[in-house]
C-alpha cells in the first residue's frame, strides 16, 4: 500500500507478542469509526470511508481522512503501520475549492476575502497533522501494551457492584464497553453462579 499520501510507522518487536499486539490494536481502534477490518494471519487491513465525512466527529481516525491502513509484521520482525490519508487530502482540497469559489462567482476582493482560503489551508494541514499524530499514538500505545478503552478504572470493583441483569447487558454487548470488559463481566457472572 504505497500512495503519495502514506505515512508509515515501524518498530522492532519480539516474535512471541504478535497476536497480543494485533488483538490490542483492534481493541484500541474500537469506536474510531472505521468502515471495515480484514484480518489475515499477521496482518490487519483497516478501511475508512469518505462519504461519512460530515456524519462523524472531526476527531475520528478514519471517516473522511484515512482510505486504508495496514498493520503487519515485516520479514525482519518489524511491526509496520501504514496510514493512507488520501481522503484527508481530498477533503482539504474540497474545502479549499469551496472557499475559493465564492471569490470567483461573486467577484469578491482577494485583498479582503483572501484570508479565508489561507485559513482553510492552514486549518486543513493542521487537521491532517493532528490525525496522523492520533494514528501514531494508537500505534505507540499498542506497542507499549496500553489499552486505550479499558481506562484506569477498577473494573473488578465496578462489576462486583452491578446487578446480574446489568452484567448480562454488558456481556451481550448492549453497552458501549469493550470486549475486554464484556469478558470480565462474563467472568463475574460465572463467579456468582459458582457461589
N, C-alpha and C. Protein backbone atom coordinates (compact mmCIF):
# COMPACT_ATOMS: atom_id res chain seq x y z
N UNK A 1 0.84 -1.17 0.00
CA UNK A 1 0.00 0.00 0.00
C UNK A 1 0.89 1.23 0.00
N UNK A 2 1.30 1.68 -1.14
CA UNK A 2 2.10 2.89 -1.23
C UNK A 2 1.40 3.87 -2.14
N UNK A 3 0.97 4.98 -1.61
CA UNK A 3 0.45 6.07 -2.41
C UNK A 3 1.25 7.30 -2.04
N UNK A 4 0.98 8.37 -2.72
CA UNK A 4 1.68 9.61 -2.45
C UNK A 4 1.41 10.09 -1.03
N UNK A 5 0.24 9.82 -0.52
CA UNK A 5 -0.16 10.30 0.80
C UNK A 5 -0.22 9.14 1.80
N UNK A 6 0.92 8.54 2.06
CA UNK A 6 1.03 7.44 3.01
C UNK A 6 2.08 7.78 4.06
N UNK A 7 1.72 7.59 5.31
CA UNK A 7 2.67 7.77 6.41
C UNK A 7 2.87 6.40 7.03
N UNK A 8 4.13 6.01 7.22
CA UNK A 8 4.44 4.69 7.75
C UNK A 8 5.21 4.81 9.06
N UNK A 9 4.77 4.04 10.04
CA UNK A 9 5.45 3.95 11.33
C UNK A 9 5.96 2.51 11.45
N UNK A 10 7.16 2.35 12.00
CA UNK A 10 7.69 0.99 12.17
C UNK A 10 8.50 0.90 13.44
N UNK A 11 8.51 -0.33 14.01
CA UNK A 11 9.28 -0.58 15.22
C UNK A 11 9.60 -2.06 15.32
N UNK A 12 10.75 -2.38 15.88
CA UNK A 12 11.18 -3.77 16.08
C UNK A 12 10.40 -4.37 17.26
N UNK A 13 9.89 -5.60 17.08
CA UNK A 13 9.14 -6.27 18.15
C UNK A 13 9.63 -7.70 18.31
N UNK A 14 9.20 -8.33 19.41
CA UNK A 14 9.54 -9.72 19.66
C UNK A 14 8.49 -10.62 19.01
N UNK A 15 8.93 -11.79 18.53
CA UNK A 15 8.04 -12.73 17.84
C UNK A 15 6.84 -13.16 18.68
N UNK A 16 7.07 -13.42 19.95
CA UNK A 16 6.03 -14.04 20.77
C UNK A 16 4.83 -13.15 21.04
N UNK A 17 4.90 -11.87 20.72
CA UNK A 17 3.83 -10.96 21.08
C UNK A 17 2.98 -10.52 19.88
N UNK A 18 3.14 -11.12 18.74
CA UNK A 18 2.42 -10.69 17.54
C UNK A 18 0.91 -10.72 17.72
N UNK A 19 0.38 -11.84 18.18
CA UNK A 19 -1.07 -11.96 18.36
C UNK A 19 -1.59 -10.97 19.39
N UNK A 20 -0.82 -10.80 20.48
CA UNK A 20 -1.24 -9.84 21.52
C UNK A 20 -1.30 -8.43 20.96
N UNK A 21 -0.33 -8.07 20.14
CA UNK A 21 -0.29 -6.72 19.55
C UNK A 21 -1.49 -6.53 18.62
N UNK A 22 -1.77 -7.50 17.79
CA UNK A 22 -2.90 -7.38 16.85
C UNK A 22 -4.21 -7.28 17.61
N UNK A 23 -4.41 -8.10 18.63
CA UNK A 23 -5.64 -8.06 19.42
C UNK A 23 -5.79 -6.73 20.15
N UNK A 24 -4.71 -6.23 20.74
CA UNK A 24 -4.78 -4.97 21.46
C UNK A 24 -5.00 -3.80 20.50
N UNK A 25 -4.40 -3.87 19.32
CA UNK A 25 -4.62 -2.81 18.33
C UNK A 25 -6.10 -2.76 17.93
N UNK A 26 -6.70 -3.92 17.73
CA UNK A 26 -8.14 -3.96 17.41
C UNK A 26 -8.97 -3.36 18.54
N UNK A 27 -8.59 -3.63 19.77
CA UNK A 27 -9.30 -3.04 20.91
C UNK A 27 -9.12 -1.53 20.92
N UNK A 28 -7.90 -1.07 20.66
CA UNK A 28 -7.60 0.36 20.73
C UNK A 28 -8.25 1.18 19.62
N UNK A 29 -8.57 0.55 18.50
CA UNK A 29 -9.24 1.31 17.44
C UNK A 29 -10.75 1.16 17.49
N UNK A 30 -11.26 0.40 18.45
CA UNK A 30 -12.71 0.27 18.54
C UNK A 30 -13.31 1.63 18.88
N UNK A 31 -14.40 1.95 18.23
CA UNK A 31 -15.06 3.23 18.45
C UNK A 31 -14.46 4.38 17.66
N UNK A 32 -13.58 4.09 16.70
CA UNK A 32 -12.96 5.16 15.92
C UNK A 32 -13.56 5.30 14.54
N UNK A 33 -14.71 4.71 14.28
CA UNK A 33 -15.49 4.86 13.05
C UNK A 33 -14.82 4.33 11.79
N UNK A 34 -14.09 3.23 11.89
CA UNK A 34 -13.59 2.61 10.66
C UNK A 34 -14.75 1.90 9.99
N UNK A 35 -14.62 1.66 8.69
CA UNK A 35 -15.70 1.02 7.94
C UNK A 35 -15.61 -0.49 8.03
N UNK A 36 -14.40 -1.03 7.92
CA UNK A 36 -14.25 -2.49 7.84
C UNK A 36 -12.84 -2.87 8.24
N UNK A 37 -12.69 -4.03 8.89
CA UNK A 37 -11.38 -4.57 9.23
C UNK A 37 -11.27 -5.96 8.63
N UNK A 38 -10.19 -6.19 7.89
CA UNK A 38 -9.90 -7.52 7.37
C UNK A 38 -8.67 -8.02 8.11
N UNK A 39 -8.78 -9.24 8.63
CA UNK A 39 -7.67 -9.80 9.40
C UNK A 39 -7.14 -11.03 8.71
N UNK A 40 -5.86 -10.98 8.41
CA UNK A 40 -5.15 -12.15 7.91
C UNK A 40 -4.27 -12.63 9.05
N UNK A 41 -3.45 -13.63 8.86
CA UNK A 41 -2.70 -14.22 9.97
C UNK A 41 -1.94 -13.18 10.79
N UNK A 42 -0.99 -12.48 10.21
CA UNK A 42 -0.21 -11.46 10.93
C UNK A 42 -0.41 -10.08 10.31
N UNK A 43 -1.61 -9.81 9.83
CA UNK A 43 -1.85 -8.55 9.14
C UNK A 43 -3.29 -8.08 9.35
N UNK A 44 -3.43 -6.77 9.57
CA UNK A 44 -4.75 -6.15 9.64
C UNK A 44 -4.84 -5.12 8.53
N UNK A 45 -5.99 -5.08 7.87
CA UNK A 45 -6.27 -4.04 6.89
C UNK A 45 -7.53 -3.33 7.36
N UNK A 46 -7.38 -2.05 7.70
CA UNK A 46 -8.49 -1.26 8.21
C UNK A 46 -8.89 -0.28 7.11
N UNK A 47 -10.17 -0.28 6.77
CA UNK A 47 -10.65 0.59 5.70
C UNK A 47 -11.52 1.69 6.29
N UNK A 48 -11.25 2.90 5.86
CA UNK A 48 -12.05 4.05 6.26
C UNK A 48 -13.08 4.35 5.20
N UNK A 49 -13.86 5.37 5.44
CA UNK A 49 -14.88 5.73 4.45
C UNK A 49 -14.86 7.22 4.21
N UNK A 50 -15.01 7.60 2.98
CA UNK A 50 -15.04 9.01 2.62
C UNK A 50 -16.43 9.61 2.79
N UNK A 51 -17.50 8.92 2.42
CA UNK A 51 -18.83 9.54 2.47
C UNK A 51 -19.28 9.98 3.85
N UNK A 52 -18.71 9.45 4.91
CA UNK A 52 -19.15 9.79 6.25
C UNK A 52 -18.49 11.06 6.78
N UNK A 53 -17.84 11.80 5.92
CA UNK A 53 -17.07 12.98 6.31
C UNK A 53 -17.87 13.91 7.21
N UNK A 54 -19.12 14.19 6.88
CA UNK A 54 -19.90 15.14 7.64
C UNK A 54 -20.79 14.49 8.70
N UNK A 55 -20.68 13.18 8.87
CA UNK A 55 -21.54 12.47 9.81
C UNK A 55 -20.85 12.14 11.12
N UNK A 56 -19.54 12.27 11.19
CA UNK A 56 -18.81 11.86 12.38
C UNK A 56 -18.03 13.01 12.99
N UNK A 57 -17.52 12.77 14.15
CA UNK A 57 -16.69 13.73 14.84
C UNK A 57 -15.44 14.04 14.03
N UNK A 58 -14.95 15.27 14.16
CA UNK A 58 -13.73 15.62 13.43
C UNK A 58 -12.51 14.89 13.99
N UNK A 59 -12.64 14.29 15.14
CA UNK A 59 -11.51 13.59 15.73
C UNK A 59 -11.49 12.09 15.40
N UNK A 60 -12.42 11.62 14.57
CA UNK A 60 -12.38 10.22 14.18
C UNK A 60 -11.10 9.96 13.40
N UNK A 61 -10.58 8.76 13.51
CA UNK A 61 -9.34 8.44 12.82
C UNK A 61 -9.55 8.06 11.36
N UNK A 62 -10.77 7.76 10.95
CA UNK A 62 -10.98 7.15 9.65
C UNK A 62 -11.85 7.95 8.71
N UNK A 63 -13.08 8.23 9.10
CA UNK A 63 -14.06 8.80 8.18
C UNK A 63 -13.59 10.12 7.59
N UNK A 64 -13.53 10.16 6.28
CA UNK A 64 -13.12 11.37 5.59
C UNK A 64 -11.64 11.67 5.67
N UNK A 65 -10.86 10.78 6.27
CA UNK A 65 -9.43 11.03 6.40
C UNK A 65 -8.59 9.88 5.86
N UNK A 66 -8.83 8.69 6.37
CA UNK A 66 -7.97 7.54 6.05
C UNK A 66 -8.69 6.60 5.10
N UNK A 67 -8.10 6.42 3.92
CA UNK A 67 -8.67 5.49 2.95
C UNK A 67 -8.45 4.05 3.41
N UNK A 68 -7.23 3.79 3.89
CA UNK A 68 -6.88 2.44 4.30
C UNK A 68 -5.65 2.50 5.19
N UNK A 69 -5.57 1.59 6.13
CA UNK A 69 -4.38 1.47 6.97
C UNK A 69 -4.05 -0.01 7.08
N UNK A 70 -2.77 -0.29 7.20
CA UNK A 70 -2.33 -1.67 7.34
C UNK A 70 -1.39 -1.79 8.53
N UNK A 71 -1.60 -2.83 9.31
CA UNK A 71 -0.71 -3.18 10.42
C UNK A 71 -0.22 -4.58 10.12
N UNK A 72 1.09 -4.73 9.97
CA UNK A 72 1.64 -6.04 9.64
C UNK A 72 3.06 -6.17 10.16
N UNK A 73 3.55 -7.40 10.11
CA UNK A 73 4.91 -7.69 10.56
C UNK A 73 5.77 -7.96 9.34
N UNK A 74 6.88 -7.25 9.23
CA UNK A 74 7.76 -7.42 8.08
C UNK A 74 8.66 -8.65 8.28
N UNK A 75 9.40 -8.97 7.25
CA UNK A 75 10.28 -10.15 7.29
C UNK A 75 11.35 -10.01 8.36
N UNK A 76 11.87 -8.80 8.56
CA UNK A 76 12.93 -8.61 9.56
C UNK A 76 12.37 -8.32 10.95
N UNK A 77 11.13 -8.76 11.21
CA UNK A 77 10.50 -8.70 12.52
C UNK A 77 10.20 -7.29 13.01
N UNK A 78 9.95 -6.38 12.09
CA UNK A 78 9.46 -5.05 12.45
C UNK A 78 7.94 -5.09 12.37
N UNK A 79 7.30 -4.30 13.21
CA UNK A 79 5.86 -4.10 13.04
C UNK A 79 5.72 -2.80 12.27
N UNK A 80 4.90 -2.83 11.24
CA UNK A 80 4.74 -1.69 10.35
C UNK A 80 3.28 -1.27 10.35
N UNK A 81 3.06 0.03 10.51
CA UNK A 81 1.71 0.59 10.47
C UNK A 81 1.73 1.69 9.41
N UNK A 82 1.02 1.45 8.30
CA UNK A 82 0.96 2.41 7.20
C UNK A 82 -0.43 3.01 7.14
N UNK A 83 -0.50 4.32 7.05
CA UNK A 83 -1.76 5.05 7.00
C UNK A 83 -1.84 5.79 5.67
N UNK A 84 -2.83 5.46 4.86
CA UNK A 84 -3.06 6.16 3.60
C UNK A 84 -4.09 7.25 3.85
N UNK A 85 -3.63 8.50 3.92
CA UNK A 85 -4.52 9.60 4.26
C UNK A 85 -4.99 10.38 3.02
N UNK A 86 -5.19 9.67 1.93
CA UNK A 86 -5.67 10.27 0.68
C UNK A 86 -6.99 11.00 0.88
N UNK A 87 -7.92 10.41 1.63
CA UNK A 87 -9.22 11.05 1.85
C UNK A 87 -9.05 12.38 2.58
N UNK A 88 -8.07 12.48 3.47
CA UNK A 88 -7.82 13.74 4.16
C UNK A 88 -7.36 14.83 3.21
N UNK A 89 -6.53 14.45 2.24
CA UNK A 89 -6.05 15.42 1.25
C UNK A 89 -7.20 15.83 0.33
N UNK A 90 -8.04 14.87 -0.06
CA UNK A 90 -9.21 15.19 -0.89
C UNK A 90 -10.15 16.12 -0.13
N UNK A 91 -10.35 15.85 1.16
CA UNK A 91 -11.21 16.72 1.98
C UNK A 91 -10.63 18.13 2.06
N UNK A 92 -9.32 18.23 2.23
CA UNK A 92 -8.67 19.54 2.28
C UNK A 92 -8.84 20.27 0.95
N UNK A 93 -8.62 19.57 -0.15
CA UNK A 93 -8.76 20.18 -1.48
C UNK A 93 -10.20 20.64 -1.71
N UNK A 94 -11.16 19.81 -1.30
CA UNK A 94 -12.58 20.17 -1.46
C UNK A 94 -12.92 21.42 -0.64
N UNK A 95 -12.46 21.48 0.60
CA UNK A 95 -12.72 22.65 1.44
C UNK A 95 -12.04 23.89 0.88
N UNK A 96 -10.84 23.72 0.35
CA UNK A 96 -10.12 24.85 -0.25
C UNK A 96 -10.87 25.37 -1.47
N UNK A 97 -11.34 24.48 -2.33
CA UNK A 97 -12.11 24.90 -3.50
C UNK A 97 -13.42 25.59 -3.09
N UNK A 98 -14.06 25.06 -2.06
CA UNK A 98 -15.31 25.68 -1.59
C UNK A 98 -15.06 27.07 -1.03
N UNK A 99 -13.87 27.33 -0.54
CA UNK A 99 -13.57 28.68 -0.03
C UNK A 99 -13.12 29.63 -1.13
N UNK A 100 -12.63 29.10 -2.24
CA UNK A 100 -12.16 29.95 -3.35
C UNK A 100 -13.31 30.28 -4.30
N UNK A 101 -14.22 29.36 -4.53
CA UNK A 101 -15.30 29.57 -5.50
C UNK A 101 -16.16 30.81 -5.24
N UNK A 102 -16.51 31.16 -4.00
CA UNK A 102 -17.28 32.39 -3.81
C UNK A 102 -16.55 33.64 -4.32
N UNK A 103 -15.22 33.64 -4.19
CA UNK A 103 -14.47 34.79 -4.71
C UNK A 103 -14.62 34.90 -6.22
N UNK A 104 -14.64 33.77 -6.90
CA UNK A 104 -14.75 33.77 -8.35
C UNK A 104 -16.16 34.12 -8.83
N UNK A 105 -17.18 33.54 -8.18
CA UNK A 105 -18.55 33.77 -8.62
C UNK A 105 -19.10 35.14 -8.24
N UNK A 106 -18.67 35.65 -7.12
CA UNK A 106 -19.22 36.92 -6.64
C UNK A 106 -18.23 38.08 -6.76
N UNK A 107 -17.14 37.86 -7.45
CA UNK A 107 -16.12 38.88 -7.68
C UNK A 107 -15.71 39.57 -6.37
N UNK A 108 -15.44 38.75 -5.37
CA UNK A 108 -15.02 39.30 -4.08
C UNK A 108 -13.56 39.76 -4.17
N UNK A 109 -13.23 40.73 -3.42
CA UNK A 109 -11.89 41.29 -3.41
C UNK A 109 -10.94 40.31 -2.72
N UNK A 110 -9.89 39.94 -3.42
CA UNK A 110 -8.91 38.99 -2.87
C UNK A 110 -8.22 39.58 -1.65
N UNK A 111 -8.01 40.88 -1.66
CA UNK A 111 -7.31 41.52 -0.54
C UNK A 111 -8.11 41.39 0.76
N UNK A 112 -9.44 41.44 0.67
CA UNK A 112 -10.25 41.36 1.89
C UNK A 112 -10.75 39.93 2.16
N UNK A 113 -11.00 39.15 1.12
CA UNK A 113 -11.55 37.82 1.30
C UNK A 113 -10.47 36.73 1.23
N UNK A 114 -9.27 37.09 0.84
CA UNK A 114 -8.20 36.12 0.62
C UNK A 114 -7.76 35.36 1.86
N UNK A 115 -8.03 35.91 3.05
CA UNK A 115 -7.63 35.21 4.26
C UNK A 115 -8.44 33.92 4.47
N UNK A 116 -9.63 33.82 3.89
CA UNK A 116 -10.48 32.64 4.10
C UNK A 116 -9.83 31.38 3.50
N UNK A 117 -9.43 31.39 2.20
CA UNK A 117 -8.76 30.19 1.68
C UNK A 117 -7.45 29.88 2.42
N UNK A 118 -6.73 30.92 2.80
CA UNK A 118 -5.48 30.71 3.54
C UNK A 118 -5.77 30.06 4.89
N UNK A 119 -6.83 30.53 5.56
CA UNK A 119 -7.22 29.94 6.84
C UNK A 119 -7.65 28.48 6.68
N UNK A 120 -8.41 28.21 5.62
CA UNK A 120 -8.85 26.84 5.35
C UNK A 120 -7.64 25.95 5.10
N UNK A 121 -6.67 26.43 4.35
CA UNK A 121 -5.46 25.65 4.06
C UNK A 121 -4.68 25.37 5.34
N UNK A 122 -4.46 26.38 6.15
CA UNK A 122 -3.71 26.20 7.40
C UNK A 122 -4.44 25.25 8.34
N UNK A 123 -5.75 25.45 8.51
CA UNK A 123 -6.52 24.56 9.38
C UNK A 123 -6.56 23.13 8.84
N UNK A 124 -6.67 22.98 7.52
CA UNK A 124 -6.68 21.65 6.92
C UNK A 124 -5.37 20.91 7.12
N UNK A 125 -4.27 21.61 6.93
CA UNK A 125 -2.95 20.99 7.15
C UNK A 125 -2.79 20.63 8.62
N UNK A 126 -3.20 21.52 9.50
CA UNK A 126 -3.14 21.25 10.93
C UNK A 126 -3.99 20.03 11.28
N UNK A 127 -5.16 19.93 10.67
CA UNK A 127 -6.06 18.79 10.90
C UNK A 127 -5.41 17.48 10.46
N UNK A 128 -4.76 17.48 9.32
CA UNK A 128 -4.06 16.28 8.84
C UNK A 128 -2.94 15.90 9.81
N UNK A 129 -2.19 16.87 10.27
CA UNK A 129 -1.09 16.60 11.22
C UNK A 129 -1.64 16.01 12.52
N UNK A 130 -2.74 16.57 13.02
CA UNK A 130 -3.35 16.06 14.26
C UNK A 130 -3.81 14.62 14.08
N UNK A 131 -4.46 14.32 12.97
CA UNK A 131 -4.95 12.95 12.76
C UNK A 131 -3.79 11.96 12.59
N UNK A 132 -2.74 12.37 11.91
CA UNK A 132 -1.57 11.49 11.80
C UNK A 132 -0.95 11.25 13.18
N UNK A 133 -0.93 12.28 13.99
CA UNK A 133 -0.43 12.15 15.36
C UNK A 133 -1.29 11.17 16.15
N UNK A 134 -2.62 11.26 16.00
CA UNK A 134 -3.52 10.34 16.71
C UNK A 134 -3.31 8.89 16.26
N UNK A 135 -3.08 8.69 14.96
CA UNK A 135 -2.77 7.34 14.47
C UNK A 135 -1.47 6.85 15.09
N UNK A 136 -0.49 7.72 15.15
CA UNK A 136 0.80 7.35 15.76
C UNK A 136 0.62 6.98 17.23
N UNK A 137 -0.22 7.74 17.94
CA UNK A 137 -0.46 7.46 19.35
C UNK A 137 -1.10 6.10 19.56
N UNK A 138 -2.06 5.74 18.72
CA UNK A 138 -2.67 4.42 18.83
C UNK A 138 -1.62 3.35 18.61
N UNK A 139 -0.76 3.53 17.62
CA UNK A 139 0.31 2.57 17.33
C UNK A 139 1.28 2.45 18.50
N UNK A 140 1.75 3.58 19.02
CA UNK A 140 2.73 3.58 20.11
C UNK A 140 2.13 2.99 21.38
N UNK A 141 0.91 3.38 21.71
CA UNK A 141 0.29 2.86 22.93
C UNK A 141 0.02 1.37 22.83
N UNK A 142 -0.31 0.90 21.63
CA UNK A 142 -0.49 -0.53 21.45
C UNK A 142 0.82 -1.26 21.68
N UNK A 143 1.91 -0.74 21.14
CA UNK A 143 3.21 -1.39 21.33
C UNK A 143 3.68 -1.34 22.77
N UNK A 144 3.20 -0.36 23.53
CA UNK A 144 3.51 -0.28 24.96
C UNK A 144 2.49 -1.05 25.79
N UNK A 145 1.61 -1.78 25.12
CA UNK A 145 0.57 -2.60 25.73
C UNK A 145 -0.33 -1.80 26.66
N UNK A 146 -0.74 -0.61 26.19
CA UNK A 146 -1.71 0.20 26.91
C UNK A 146 -3.05 0.08 26.21
N UNK A 147 -4.05 -0.30 26.96
CA UNK A 147 -5.40 -0.42 26.42
C UNK A 147 -6.09 0.94 26.56
N UNK A 148 -6.37 1.59 25.43
CA UNK A 148 -6.96 2.93 25.45
C UNK A 148 -8.39 2.95 25.96
N UNK A 149 -9.11 1.84 25.85
CA UNK A 149 -10.53 1.85 26.17
C UNK A 149 -10.87 1.18 27.49
N UNK A 150 -9.89 0.56 28.10
CA UNK A 150 -10.14 -0.03 29.40
C UNK A 150 -10.07 1.07 30.47
N UNK A 151 -9.23 2.06 30.21
CA UNK A 151 -9.11 3.16 31.15
C UNK A 151 -8.39 2.75 32.41
N UNK A 152 -8.39 3.61 33.39
CA UNK A 152 -7.72 3.34 34.66
C UNK A 152 -8.74 3.03 35.74
N UNK A 153 -9.83 2.37 35.33
CA UNK A 153 -10.89 2.04 36.26
C UNK A 153 -10.61 0.70 36.92
N UNK A 154 -11.14 0.53 38.11
CA UNK A 154 -11.07 -0.75 38.80
C UNK A 154 -12.30 -1.55 38.38
N UNK A 155 -12.19 -2.22 37.21
CA UNK A 155 -13.35 -2.89 36.65
C UNK A 155 -13.85 -4.03 37.53
N UNK A 156 -12.94 -4.69 38.25
CA UNK A 156 -13.40 -5.76 39.15
C UNK A 156 -14.35 -5.21 40.20
N UNK A 157 -14.00 -4.08 40.79
CA UNK A 157 -14.86 -3.46 41.81
C UNK A 157 -16.17 -2.96 41.19
N UNK A 158 -16.07 -2.34 40.02
CA UNK A 158 -17.27 -1.81 39.35
C UNK A 158 -18.23 -2.94 39.01
N UNK A 159 -17.69 -4.02 38.45
CA UNK A 159 -18.55 -5.13 38.02
C UNK A 159 -19.15 -5.88 39.20
N UNK A 160 -18.44 -5.92 40.32
CA UNK A 160 -19.00 -6.57 41.51
C UNK A 160 -20.21 -5.83 42.05
N UNK A 161 -20.26 -4.51 41.81
CA UNK A 161 -21.39 -3.72 42.31
C UNK A 161 -22.60 -3.76 41.36
N UNK A 162 -22.45 -4.34 40.18
CA UNK A 162 -23.54 -4.42 39.20
C UNK A 162 -24.49 -5.57 39.54
N UNK A 163 -25.74 -5.41 39.13
CA UNK A 163 -26.71 -6.49 39.29
C UNK A 163 -26.48 -7.53 38.20
N UNK A 164 -27.11 -8.68 38.36
CA UNK A 164 -26.97 -9.73 37.34
C UNK A 164 -27.50 -9.27 35.99
N UNK A 165 -28.62 -8.56 35.99
CA UNK A 165 -29.18 -8.07 34.72
C UNK A 165 -28.24 -7.07 34.05
N UNK A 166 -27.63 -6.19 34.83
CA UNK A 166 -26.67 -5.23 34.25
C UNK A 166 -25.47 -5.96 33.67
N UNK A 167 -25.00 -6.98 34.37
CA UNK A 167 -23.87 -7.77 33.86
C UNK A 167 -24.25 -8.49 32.57
N UNK A 168 -25.48 -9.03 32.50
CA UNK A 168 -25.92 -9.70 31.29
C UNK A 168 -25.98 -8.74 30.11
N UNK A 169 -26.42 -7.51 30.36
CA UNK A 169 -26.43 -6.49 29.30
C UNK A 169 -25.03 -6.20 28.80
N UNK A 170 -24.09 -6.13 29.71
CA UNK A 170 -22.69 -5.88 29.32
C UNK A 170 -22.17 -7.06 28.50
N UNK A 171 -22.42 -8.27 28.98
CA UNK A 171 -21.94 -9.48 28.28
C UNK A 171 -22.54 -9.59 26.89
N UNK A 172 -23.81 -9.24 26.75
CA UNK A 172 -24.49 -9.34 25.45
C UNK A 172 -24.14 -8.22 24.50
N UNK A 173 -23.30 -7.28 24.94
CA UNK A 173 -22.89 -6.19 24.05
C UNK A 173 -23.91 -5.08 23.93
N UNK A 174 -24.81 -4.97 24.90
CA UNK A 174 -25.83 -3.92 24.88
C UNK A 174 -25.33 -2.61 25.47
N UNK A 175 -24.03 -2.49 25.63
CA UNK A 175 -23.41 -1.27 26.14
C UNK A 175 -22.28 -0.87 25.20
N UNK A 176 -21.66 0.24 25.47
CA UNK A 176 -20.53 0.69 24.64
C UNK A 176 -19.20 0.24 25.21
N UNK A 177 -19.21 -0.66 26.17
CA UNK A 177 -17.97 -1.14 26.78
C UNK A 177 -17.23 -2.09 25.85
N UNK A 178 -15.95 -2.22 26.06
CA UNK A 178 -15.10 -3.02 25.17
C UNK A 178 -15.31 -4.51 25.39
N UNK A 179 -14.80 -5.28 24.45
CA UNK A 179 -14.88 -6.74 24.52
C UNK A 179 -14.16 -7.24 25.77
N UNK A 180 -13.06 -6.58 26.12
CA UNK A 180 -12.31 -6.97 27.31
C UNK A 180 -13.17 -6.84 28.57
N UNK A 181 -13.90 -5.73 28.69
CA UNK A 181 -14.78 -5.53 29.85
C UNK A 181 -15.95 -6.51 29.78
N UNK A 182 -16.44 -6.82 28.59
CA UNK A 182 -17.51 -7.81 28.45
C UNK A 182 -17.06 -9.17 28.98
N UNK A 183 -15.82 -9.54 28.68
CA UNK A 183 -15.29 -10.81 29.18
C UNK A 183 -15.17 -10.79 30.70
N UNK A 184 -14.75 -9.67 31.24
CA UNK A 184 -14.66 -9.55 32.70
C UNK A 184 -16.04 -9.65 33.34
N UNK A 185 -17.06 -9.07 32.69
CA UNK A 185 -18.44 -9.16 33.20
C UNK A 185 -18.92 -10.60 33.15
N UNK A 186 -18.56 -11.31 32.10
CA UNK A 186 -18.94 -12.72 31.99
C UNK A 186 -18.28 -13.54 33.09
N UNK A 187 -17.02 -13.26 33.37
CA UNK A 187 -16.32 -13.95 34.46
C UNK A 187 -16.97 -13.67 35.80
N UNK A 188 -17.43 -12.44 36.00
CA UNK A 188 -18.11 -12.08 37.25
C UNK A 188 -19.43 -12.84 37.38
N UNK A 189 -20.17 -12.97 36.28
CA UNK A 189 -21.42 -13.76 36.31
C UNK A 189 -21.14 -15.21 36.65
N UNK A 190 -20.11 -15.79 36.05
CA UNK A 190 -19.75 -17.19 36.32
C UNK A 190 -19.34 -17.35 37.78
N UNK A 191 -18.58 -16.38 38.29
CA UNK A 191 -18.14 -16.43 39.68
C UNK A 191 -19.34 -16.41 40.63
N UNK A 192 -20.34 -15.59 40.30
CA UNK A 192 -21.54 -15.51 41.14
C UNK A 192 -22.34 -16.82 41.12
N UNK A 193 -22.39 -17.48 39.98
CA UNK A 193 -23.13 -18.73 39.86
C UNK A 193 -22.45 -19.85 40.63
N UNK A 194 -21.11 -19.77 40.74
CA UNK A 194 -20.37 -20.82 41.44
C UNK A 194 -20.47 -20.71 42.95
N UNK A 195 -20.95 -19.58 43.47
CA UNK A 195 -21.05 -19.38 44.91
C UNK A 195 -22.14 -20.25 45.51
